[in-house]
Structure formats: structure tokens, C-alpha cells
Amino acid sequence: MNLLLITFALRNKNTDYESFFVELRGNSVNWWHFIAQSAVVSTYLDADTFAKKLTQHIETTDSLLVVRPSVFCYLLTSDATSGRPE
């Protein structure tokens, strides 16, 4: 199981990016999206494979970064953790 951090800039206001989010959620065992243009997912895919699946749903003017962090430091407000899966 891999924990991945995904950040993205979906810039084309005329593009429907729903398929991007369907792909993101569909390849995740669990996912968390609280910070704008970012998601944390647990998945059986590695970062490269996950990124290749997502790039099929974005345009050349968009940006995408998929990484597997090795060190975790965070500060979350209480509203960021409310409603999170147990």
C-alpha cells in the first residue's frame, strides 16, 4: 500500500475535469481532499502509475505532481479532520 500526495492545477475553465476526480477516487483505497488542489490517497499503485492514469484526464496547460512522501509533518485545524474515515 502506498500513501501518495497529489497536487494539481486544473487551469482550463472550459474543461469538465470530473473524469480526473473519478480516476483519482477510483484508484484510491482511501482519499482525503481538504486543501485546495491537493489530495492524499492510499493506493496499491505506485506514484508513476497513478500519475499516468491522471494525466489522461488533464490538458497540457494543467500541472500535476504525484509523490510518495517519506516524512510527514502536519498541522490541521479541527475542521480538516472532522468527517474523516475511521
PDB file of N, CA and C in Angstrom:
ATOM      1  N   MET A   1       0.853  -1.175   0.000  1.00  0.00           N
ATOM      2  CA  MET A   1       0.000   0.000   0.000  1.00  0.00           C
ATOM      3  C   MET A   1       0.895   1.233   0.000  1.00  0.00           C
ATOM      4  N   ASN A   2       0.558   2.205  -0.830  1.00  0.00           N
ATOM      5  CA  ASN A   2       1.304   3.457  -0.927  1.00  0.00           C
ATOM      6  C   ASN A   2       0.429   4.623  -0.495  1.00  0.00           C
ATOM      7  N   LEU A   3       1.030   5.553   0.211  1.00  0.00           N
ATOM      8  CA  LEU A   3       0.371   6.809   0.547  1.00  0.00           C
ATOM      9  C   LEU A   3       0.973   7.863  -0.371  1.00  0.00           C
ATOM     10  N   LEU A   4       0.141   8.514  -1.186  1.00  0.00           N
ATOM     11  CA  LEU A   4       0.619   9.482  -2.167  1.00  0.00           C
ATOM     12  C   LEU A   4       0.036  10.858  -1.906  1.00  0.00           C
ATOM     13  N   LEU A   5       0.836  11.868  -2.164  1.00  0.00           N
ATOM     14  CA  LEU A   5       0.388  13.253  -2.142  1.00  0.00           C
ATOM     15  C   LEU A   5       0.252  13.696  -3.588  1.00  0.00           C
ATOM     16  N   ILE A   6      -0.915  14.227  -3.926  1.00  0.00           N
ATOM     17  CA  ILE A   6      -1.197  14.656  -5.287  1.00  0.00           C
ATOM     18  C   ILE A   6      -1.569  16.129  -5.246  1.00  0.00           C
ATOM     19  N   THR A   7      -0.861  16.934  -6.005  1.00  0.00           N
ATOM     20  CA  THR A   7      -1.221  18.341  -6.148  1.00  0.00           C
ATOM     21  C   THR A   7      -1.452  18.605  -7.629  1.00  0.00           C
ATOM     22  N   PHE A   8      -2.364  19.509  -7.915  1.00  0.00           N
ATOM     23  CA  PHE A   8      -2.740  19.733  -9.301  1.00  0.00           C
ATOM     24  C   PHE A   8      -3.217  21.164  -9.500  1.00  0.00           C
ATOM     25  N   ALA A   9      -3.030  21.653 -10.715  1.00  0.00           N
ATOM     26  CA  ALA A   9      -3.566  22.950 -11.138  1.00  0.00           C
ATOM     27  C   ALA A   9      -4.329  22.680 -12.428  1.00  0.00           C
ATOM     28  N   LEU A  10      -5.630  22.667 -12.323  1.00  0.00           N
ATOM     29  CA  LEU A  10      -6.503  22.410 -13.466  1.00  0.00           C
ATOM     30  C   LEU A  10      -6.970  23.765 -13.971  1.00  0.00           C
ATOM     31  N   ARG A  11      -6.330  24.259 -15.014  1.00  0.00           N
ATOM     32  CA  ARG A  11      -6.429  25.673 -15.393  1.00  0.00           C
ATOM     33  C   ARG A  11      -7.510  26.021 -16.401  1.00  0.00           C
ATOM     34  N   ASN A  12      -8.002  25.079 -17.167  1.00  0.00           N
ATOM     35  CA  ASN A  12      -8.935  25.402 -18.248  1.00  0.00           C
ATOM     36  C   ASN A  12     -10.364  25.469 -17.716  1.00  0.00           C
ATOM     37  N   LYS A  13     -10.893  26.655 -17.634  1.00  0.00           N
ATOM     38  CA  LYS A  13     -12.246  26.848 -17.088  1.00  0.00           C
ATOM     39  C   LYS A  13     -13.335  26.253 -17.977  1.00  0.00           C
ATOM     40  N   ASN A  14     -13.016  25.949 -19.227  1.00  0.00           N
ATOM     41  CA  ASN A  14     -13.995  25.374 -20.149  1.00  0.00           C
ATOM     42  C   ASN A  14     -13.950  23.844 -20.194  1.00  0.00           C
ATOM     43  N   THR A  15     -13.070  23.245 -19.400  1.00  0.00           N
ATOM     44  CA  THR A  15     -12.927  21.786 -19.395  1.00  0.00           C
ATOM     45  C   THR A  15     -13.662  21.198 -18.201  1.00  0.00           C
ATOM     46  N   ASP A  16     -14.358  20.114 -18.431  1.00  0.00           N
ATOM     47  CA  ASP A  16     -15.010  19.375 -17.348  1.00  0.00           C
ATOM     48  C   ASP A  16     -14.002  18.364 -16.819  1.00  0.00           C
ATOM     49  N   TYR A  17     -13.522  18.570 -15.611  1.00  0.00           N
ATOM     50  CA  TYR A  17     -12.490  17.727 -15.011  1.00  0.00           C
ATOM     51  C   TYR A  17     -13.075  16.591 -14.166  1.00  0.00           C
ATOM     52  N   GLU A  18     -14.352  16.336 -14.286  1.00  0.00           N
ATOM     53  CA  GLU A  18     -14.981  15.286 -13.484  1.00  0.00           C
ATOM     54  C   GLU A  18     -14.264  13.942 -13.659  1.00  0.00           C
ATOM     55  N   SER A  19     -13.844  13.623 -14.886  1.00  0.00           N
ATOM     56  CA  SER A  19     -13.171  12.337 -15.121  1.00  0.00           C
ATOM     57  C   SER A  19     -11.839  12.254 -14.374  1.00  0.00           C
ATOM     58  N   PHE A  20     -11.178  13.385 -14.166  1.00  0.00           N
ATOM     59  CA  PHE A  20      -9.937  13.423 -13.378  1.00  0.00           C
ATOM     60  C   PHE A  20     -10.214  12.971 -11.947  1.00  0.00           C
ATOM     61  N   PHE A  21     -11.278  13.522 -11.355  1.00  0.00           N
ATOM     62  CA  PHE A  21     -11.607  13.184  -9.974  1.00  0.00           C
ATOM     63  C   PHE A  21     -12.171  11.772  -9.847  1.00  0.00           C
ATOM     64  N   VAL A  22     -12.887  11.310 -10.852  1.00  0.00           N
ATOM     65  CA  VAL A  22     -13.364   9.920 -10.857  1.00  0.00           C
ATOM     66  C   VAL A  22     -12.165   8.971 -10.894  1.00  0.00           C
ATOM     67  N   GLU A  23     -11.171   9.280 -11.721  1.00  0.00           N
ATOM     68  CA  GLU A  23      -9.949   8.463 -11.808  1.00  0.00           C
ATOM     69  C   GLU A  23      -9.190   8.491 -10.486  1.00  0.00           C
ATOM     70  N   LEU A  24      -9.073   9.675  -9.880  1.00  0.00           N
ATOM     71  CA  LEU A  24      -8.368   9.822  -8.610  1.00  0.00           C
ATOM     72  C   LEU A  24      -9.036   8.970  -7.530  1.00  0.00           C
ATOM     73  N   ARG A  25     -10.336   9.119  -7.378  1.00  0.00           N
ATOM     74  CA  ARG A  25     -11.050   8.365  -6.345  1.00  0.00           C
ATOM     75  C   ARG A  25     -11.131   6.875  -6.685  1.00  0.00           C
ATOM     76  N   GLY A  26     -11.284   6.558  -7.953  1.00  0.00           N
ATOM     77  CA  GLY A  26     -11.439   5.168  -8.367  1.00  0.00           C
ATOM     78  C   GLY A  26     -10.196   4.323  -8.197  1.00  0.00           C
ATOM     79  N   ASN A  27      -9.027   4.956  -8.147  1.00  0.00           N
ATOM     80  CA  ASN A  27      -7.774   4.218  -7.958  1.00  0.00           C
ATOM     81  C   ASN A  27      -7.240   4.347  -6.539  1.00  0.00           C
ATOM     82  N   SER A  28      -8.070   4.834  -5.643  1.00  0.00           N
ATOM     83  CA  SER A  28      -7.673   5.025  -4.250  1.00  0.00           C
ATOM     84  C   SER A  28      -8.461   4.089  -3.344  1.00  0.00           C
ATOM     85  N   VAL A  29      -7.774   3.503  -2.389  1.00  0.00           N
ATOM     86  CA  VAL A  29      -8.459   2.731  -1.353  1.00  0.00           C
ATOM     87  C   VAL A  29      -9.165   3.714  -0.416  1.00  0.00           C
ATOM     88  N   ASN A  30      -8.442   4.769  -0.047  1.00  0.00           N
ATOM     89  CA  ASN A  30      -8.974   5.892   0.732  1.00  0.00           C
ATOM     90  C   ASN A  30      -8.408   7.165   0.130  1.00  0.00           C
ATOM     91  N   TRP A  31      -9.126   8.256   0.273  1.00  0.00           N
ATOM     92  CA  TRP A  31      -8.613   9.532  -0.197  1.00  0.00           C
ATOM     93  C   TRP A  31      -9.106  10.642   0.704  1.00  0.00           C
ATOM     94  N   TRP A  32      -8.313  11.736   0.753  1.00  0.00           N
ATOM     95  CA  TRP A  32      -8.632  12.890   1.583  1.00  0.00           C
ATOM     96  C   TRP A  32      -8.338  14.134   0.771  1.00  0.00           C
ATOM     97  N   HIS A  33      -9.313  15.007   0.659  1.00  0.00           N
ATOM     98  CA  HIS A  33      -9.179  16.242  -0.116  1.00  0.00           C
ATOM     99  C   HIS A  33      -9.745  17.373   0.727  1.00  0.00           C
ATOM    100  N   PHE A  34      -8.868  18.120   1.381  1.00  0.00           N
ATOM    101  CA  PHE A  34      -9.298  19.248   2.196  1.00  0.00           C
ATOM    102  C   PHE A  34      -8.602  20.527   1.743  1.00  0.00           C
ATOM    103  N   ILE A  35      -7.330  20.429   1.397  1.00  0.00           N
ATOM    104  CA  ILE A  35      -6.556  21.578   0.938  1.00  0.00           C
ATOM    105  C   ILE A  35      -6.790  21.733  -0.567  1.00  0.00           C
ATOM    106  N   ALA A  36      -7.110  22.935  -0.980  1.00  0.00           N
ATOM    107  CA  ALA A  36      -7.412  23.193  -2.399  1.00  0.00           C
ATOM    108  C   ALA A  36      -6.306  22.670  -3.299  1.00  0.00           C
ATOM    109  N   GLN A  37      -6.707  22.016  -4.371  1.00  0.00           N
ATOM    110  CA  GLN A  37      -5.825  21.489  -5.402  1.00  0.00           C
ATOM    111  C   GLN A  37      -4.813  20.473  -4.872  1.00  0.00           C
ATOM    112  N   SER A  38      -5.198  19.753  -3.827  1.00  0.00           N
ATOM    113  CA  SER A  38      -4.342  18.713  -3.266  1.00  0.00           C
ATOM    114  C   SER A  38      -5.194  17.559  -2.773  1.00  0.00           C
ATOM    115  N   ALA A  39      -4.606  16.380  -2.784  1.00  0.00           N
ATOM    116  CA  ALA A  39      -5.270  15.200  -2.235  1.00  0.00           C
ATOM    117  C   ALA A  39      -4.211  14.264  -1.684  1.00  0.00           C
ATOM    118  N   VAL A  40      -4.583  13.529  -0.666  1.00  0.00           N
ATOM    119  CA  VAL A  40      -3.749  12.454  -0.141  1.00  0.00           C
ATOM    120  C   VAL A  40      -4.544  11.179  -0.344  1.00  0.00           C
ATOM    121  N   VAL A  41      -3.901  10.169  -0.950  1.00  0.00           N
ATOM    122  CA  VAL A  41      -4.594   8.923  -1.243  1.00  0.00           C
ATOM    123  C   VAL A  41      -3.769   7.740  -0.761  1.00  0.00           C
ATOM    124  N   SER A  42      -4.454   6.676  -0.378  1.00  0.00           N
ATOM    125  CA  SER A  42      -3.788   5.390  -0.189  1.00  0.00           C
ATOM    126  C   SER A  42      -4.214   4.526  -1.369  1.00  0.00           C
ATOM    127  N   THR A  43      -3.231   3.833  -1.949  1.00  0.00           N
ATOM    128  CA  THR A  43      -3.473   3.093  -3.180  1.00  0.00           C
ATOM    129  C   THR A  43      -2.477   1.946  -3.304  1.00  0.00           C
ATOM    130  N   TYR A  44      -2.835   0.971  -4.110  1.00  0.00           N
ATOM    131  CA  TYR A  44      -1.912  -0.116  -4.420  1.00  0.00           C
ATOM    132  C   TYR A  44      -0.997   0.247  -5.587  1.00  0.00           C
ATOM    133  N   LEU A  45      -1.255   1.372  -6.250  1.00  0.00           N
ATOM    134  CA  LEU A  45      -0.437   1.817  -7.375  1.00  0.00           C
ATOM    135  C   LEU A  45       0.761   2.613  -6.885  1.00  0.00           C
ATOM    136  N   ASP A  46       1.856   2.589  -7.659  1.00  0.00           N
ATOM    137  CA  ASP A  46       2.995   3.448  -7.324  1.00  0.00           C
ATOM    138  C   ASP A  46       2.730   4.850  -7.883  1.00  0.00           C
ATOM    139  N   ALA A  47       3.560   5.813  -7.512  1.00  0.00           N
ATOM    140  CA  ALA A  47       3.333   7.214  -7.893  1.00  0.00           C
ATOM    141  C   ALA A  47       3.345   7.393  -9.407  1.00  0.00           C
ATOM    142  N   ASP A  48       4.257   6.727 -10.101  1.00  0.00           N
ATOM    143  CA  ASP A  48       4.351   6.869 -11.552  1.00  0.00           C
ATOM    144  C   ASP A  48       3.094   6.350 -12.249  1.00  0.00           C
ATOM    145  N   THR A  49       2.633   5.182 -11.862  1.00  0.00           N
ATOM    146  CA  THR A  49       1.436   4.603 -12.463  1.00  0.00           C
ATOM    147  C   THR A  49       0.215   5.460 -12.181  1.00  0.00           C
ATOM    148  N   PHE A  50       0.107   5.941 -10.937  1.00  0.00           N
ATOM    149  CA  PHE A  50      -1.031   6.795 -10.568  1.00  0.00           C
ATOM    150  C   PHE A  50      -1.020   8.072 -11.405  1.00  0.00           C
ATOM    151  N   ALA A  51       0.151   8.691 -11.551  1.00  0.00           N
ATOM    152  CA  ALA A  51       0.266   9.926 -12.335  1.00  0.00           C
ATOM    153  C   ALA A  51      -0.121   9.689 -13.793  1.00  0.00           C
ATOM    154  N   LYS A  52       0.316   8.570 -14.357  1.00  0.00           N
ATOM    155  CA  LYS A  52      -0.019   8.274 -15.756  1.00  0.00           C
ATOM    156  C   LYS A  52      -1.524   8.116 -15.952  1.00  0.00           C
ATOM    157  N   LYS A  53      -2.201   7.550 -14.970  1.00  0.00           N
ATOM    158  CA  LYS A  53      -3.653   7.413 -15.062  1.00  0.00           C
ATOM    159  C   LYS A  53      -4.330   8.788 -15.032  1.00  0.00           C
ATOM    160  N   LEU A  54      -3.822   9.698 -14.192  1.00  0.00           N
ATOM    161  CA  LEU A  54      -4.427  11.020 -14.075  1.00  0.00           C
ATOM    162  C   LEU A  54      -4.133  11.908 -15.279  1.00  0.00           C
ATOM    163  N   THR A  55      -2.949  11.770 -15.872  1.00  0.00           N
ATOM    164  CA  THR A  55      -2.589  12.656 -16.989  1.00  0.00           C
ATOM    165  C   THR A  55      -3.483  12.441 -18.207  1.00  0.00           C
ATOM    166  N   GLN A  56      -4.165  11.326 -18.282  1.00  0.00           N
ATOM    167  CA  GLN A  56      -5.110  11.093 -19.380  1.00  0.00           C
ATOM    168  C   GLN A  56      -6.313  12.039 -19.295  1.00  0.00           C
ATOM    169  N   HIS A  57      -6.511  12.675 -18.148  1.00  0.00           N
ATOM    170  CA  HIS A  57      -7.704  13.489 -17.910  1.00  0.00           C
ATOM    171  C   HIS A  57      -7.397  14.974 -17.744  1.00  0.00           C
ATOM    172  N   ILE A  58      -6.157  15.376 -18.052  1.00  0.00           N
ATOM    173  CA  ILE A  58      -5.809  16.792 -17.949  1.00  0.00           C
ATOM    174  C   ILE A  58      -5.259  17.277 -19.287  1.00  0.00           C
ATOM    175  N   GLU A  59      -5.090  18.581 -19.395  1.00  0.00           N
ATOM    176  CA  GLU A  59      -4.595  19.191 -20.620  1.00  0.00           C
ATOM    177  C   GLU A  59      -3.148  19.631 -20.449  1.00  0.00           C
ATOM    178  N   THR A  60      -2.492  19.955 -21.543  1.00  0.00           N
ATOM    179  CA  THR A  60      -1.071  20.327 -21.487  1.00  0.00           C
ATOM    180  C   THR A  60      -0.832  21.621 -20.704  1.00  0.00           C
ATOM    181  N   THR A  61      -1.850  22.435 -20.538  1.00  0.00           N
ATOM    182  CA  THR A  61      -1.709  23.672 -19.761  1.00  0.00           C
ATOM    183  C   THR A  61      -1.894  23.435 -18.264  1.00  0.00           C
ATOM    184  N   ASP A  62      -2.318  22.243 -17.873  1.00  0.00           N
ATOM    185  CA  ASP A  62      -2.512  21.899 -16.464  1.00  0.00           C
ATOM    186  C   ASP A  62      -1.193  21.407 -15.866  1.00  0.00           C
ATOM    187  N   SER A  63      -1.156  21.322 -14.542  1.00  0.00           N
ATOM    188  CA  SER A  63       0.025  20.806 -13.847  1.00  0.00           C
ATOM    189  C   SER A  63      -0.390  19.702 -12.897  1.00  0.00           C
ATOM    190  N   LEU A  64       0.519  18.738 -12.698  1.00  0.00           N
ATOM    191  CA  LEU A  64       0.249  17.606 -11.824  1.00  0.00           C
ATOM    192  C   LEU A  64       1.541  17.170 -11.160  1.00  0.00           C
ATOM    193  N   LEU A  65       1.485  16.937  -9.860  1.00  0.00           N
ATOM    194  CA  LEU A  65       2.610  16.405  -9.102  1.00  0.00           C
ATOM    195  C   LEU A  65       2.086  15.268  -8.242  1.00  0.00           C
ATOM    196  N   VAL A  66       2.689  14.093  -8.376  1.00  0.00           N
ATOM    197  CA  VAL A  66       2.326  12.926  -7.567  1.00  0.00           C
ATOM    198  C   VAL A  66       3.603  12.419  -6.919  1.00  0.00           C
ATOM    199  N   VAL A  67       3.631  12.413  -5.579  1.00  0.00           N
ATOM    200  CA  VAL A  67       4.822  11.976  -4.854  1.00  0.00           C
ATOM    201  C   VAL A  67       4.433  11.041  -3.719  1.00  0.00           C
ATOM    202  N   ARG A  68       5.381  10.217  -3.345  1.00  0.00           N
ATOM    203  CA  ARG A  68       5.218   9.358  -2.169  1.00  0.00           C
ATOM    204  C   ARG A  68       6.097   9.944  -1.066  1.00  0.00           C
ATOM    205  N   PRO A  69       5.502  10.678  -0.143  1.00  0.00           N
ATOM    206  CA  PRO A  69       6.303  11.322   0.916  1.00  0.00           C
ATOM    207  C   PRO A  69       6.933  10.292   1.835  1.00  0.00           C
ATOM    208  N   SER A  70       8.112  10.641   2.354  1.00  0.00           N
ATOM    209  CA  SER A  70       8.781   9.733   3.281  1.00  0.00           C
ATOM    210  C   SER A  70       8.753  10.266   4.712  1.00  0.00           C
ATOM    211  N   VAL A  71       8.501  11.547   4.866  1.00  0.00           N
ATOM    212  CA  VAL A  71       8.419  12.159   6.196  1.00  0.00           C
ATOM    213  C   VAL A  71       7.131  12.976   6.241  1.00  0.00           C
ATOM    214  N   PHE A  72       6.401  12.864   7.330  1.00  0.00           N
ATOM    215  CA  PHE A  72       5.127  13.557   7.446  1.00  0.00           C
ATOM    216  C   PHE A  72       5.159  14.529   8.622  1.00  0.00           C
ATOM    217  N   CYS A  73       4.909  15.782   8.325  1.00  0.00           N
ATOM    218  CA  CYS A  73       4.734  16.813   9.344  1.00  0.00           C
ATOM    219  C   CYS A  73       3.482  17.582   8.945  1.00  0.00           C
ATOM    220  N   TYR A  74       2.598  17.818   9.880  1.00  0.00           N
ATOM    221  CA  TYR A  74       1.373  18.493   9.505  1.00  0.00           C
ATOM    222  C   TYR A  74       0.783  19.254  10.679  1.00  0.00           C
ATOM    223  N   LEU A  75      -0.014  20.223  10.331  1.00  0.00           N
ATOM    224  CA  LEU A  75      -0.808  20.979  11.288  1.00  0.00           C
ATOM    225  C   LEU A  75      -2.173  21.146  10.649  1.00  0.00           C
ATOM    226  N   LEU A  76      -3.163  20.516  11.227  1.00  0.00           N
ATOM    227  CA  LEU A  76      -4.514  20.578  10.680  1.00  0.00           C
ATOM    228  C   LEU A  76      -5.453  21.202  11.701  1.00  0.00           C
ATOM    229  N   THR A  77      -6.363  21.999  11.212  1.00  0.00           N
ATOM    230  CA  THR A  77      -7.398  22.536  12.077  1.00  0.00           C
ATOM    231  C   THR A  77      -8.427  21.440  12.329  1.00  0.00           C
ATOM    232  N   SER A  78      -9.243  21.604  13.323  1.00  0.00           N
ATOM    233  CA  SER A  78     -10.216  20.568  13.663  1.00  0.00           C
ATOM    234  C   SER A  78     -11.210  20.319  12.534  1.00  0.00           C
ATOM    235  N   ASP A  79     -11.550  21.352  11.751  1.00  0.00           N
ATOM    236  CA  ASP A  79     -12.486  21.132  10.656  1.00  0.00           C
ATOM    237  C   ASP A  79     -11.872  20.300   9.525  1.00  0.00           C
ATOM    238  N   ALA A  80     -10.547  20.216   9.459  1.00  0.00           N
ATOM    239  CA  ALA A  80      -9.892  19.395   8.442  1.00  0.00           C
ATOM    240  C   ALA A  80     -10.018  17.908   8.750  1.00  0.00           C
ATOM    241  N   THR A  81     -10.182  17.575  10.010  1.00  0.00           N
ATOM    242  CA  THR A  81     -10.248  16.169  10.390  1.00  0.00           C
ATOM    243  C   THR A  81     -11.656  15.691  10.694  1.00  0.00           C
ATOM    244  N   SER A  82     -12.612  16.595  10.779  1.00  0.00           N
ATOM    245  CA  SER A  82     -13.978  16.172  11.023  1.00  0.00           C
ATOM    246  C   SER A  82     -14.526  15.469   9.784  1.00  0.00           C
ATOM    247  N   GLY A  83     -15.195  14.393   9.997  1.00  0.00           N
ATOM    248  CA  GLY A  83     -15.761  13.638   8.890  1.00  0.00           C
ATOM    249  C   GLY A  83     -14.779  12.723   8.185  1.00  0.00           C
ATOM    250  N   ARG A  84     -13.568  12.617   8.718  1.00  0.00           N
ATOM    251  CA  ARG A  84     -12.589  11.740   8.078  1.00  0.00           C
ATOM    252  C   ARG A  84     -12.947  10.281   8.373  1.00  0.00           C
ATOM    253  N   PRO A  85     -12.611   9.381   7.450  1.00  0.00           N
ATOM    254  CA  PRO A  85     -12.928   7.967   7.695  1.00  0.00           C
ATOM    255  C   PRO A  85     -12.136   7.413   8.849  1.00  0.00           C
ATOM    256  N   GLU A  86     -12.730   6.521   9.586  1.00  0.00           N
ATOM    257  CA  GLU A  86     -12.044   5.891  10.724  1.00  0.00           C
ATOM    258  C   GLU A  86     -11.156   4.772  10.234  1.00  0.00           C
TER     259      GLU A  86
END
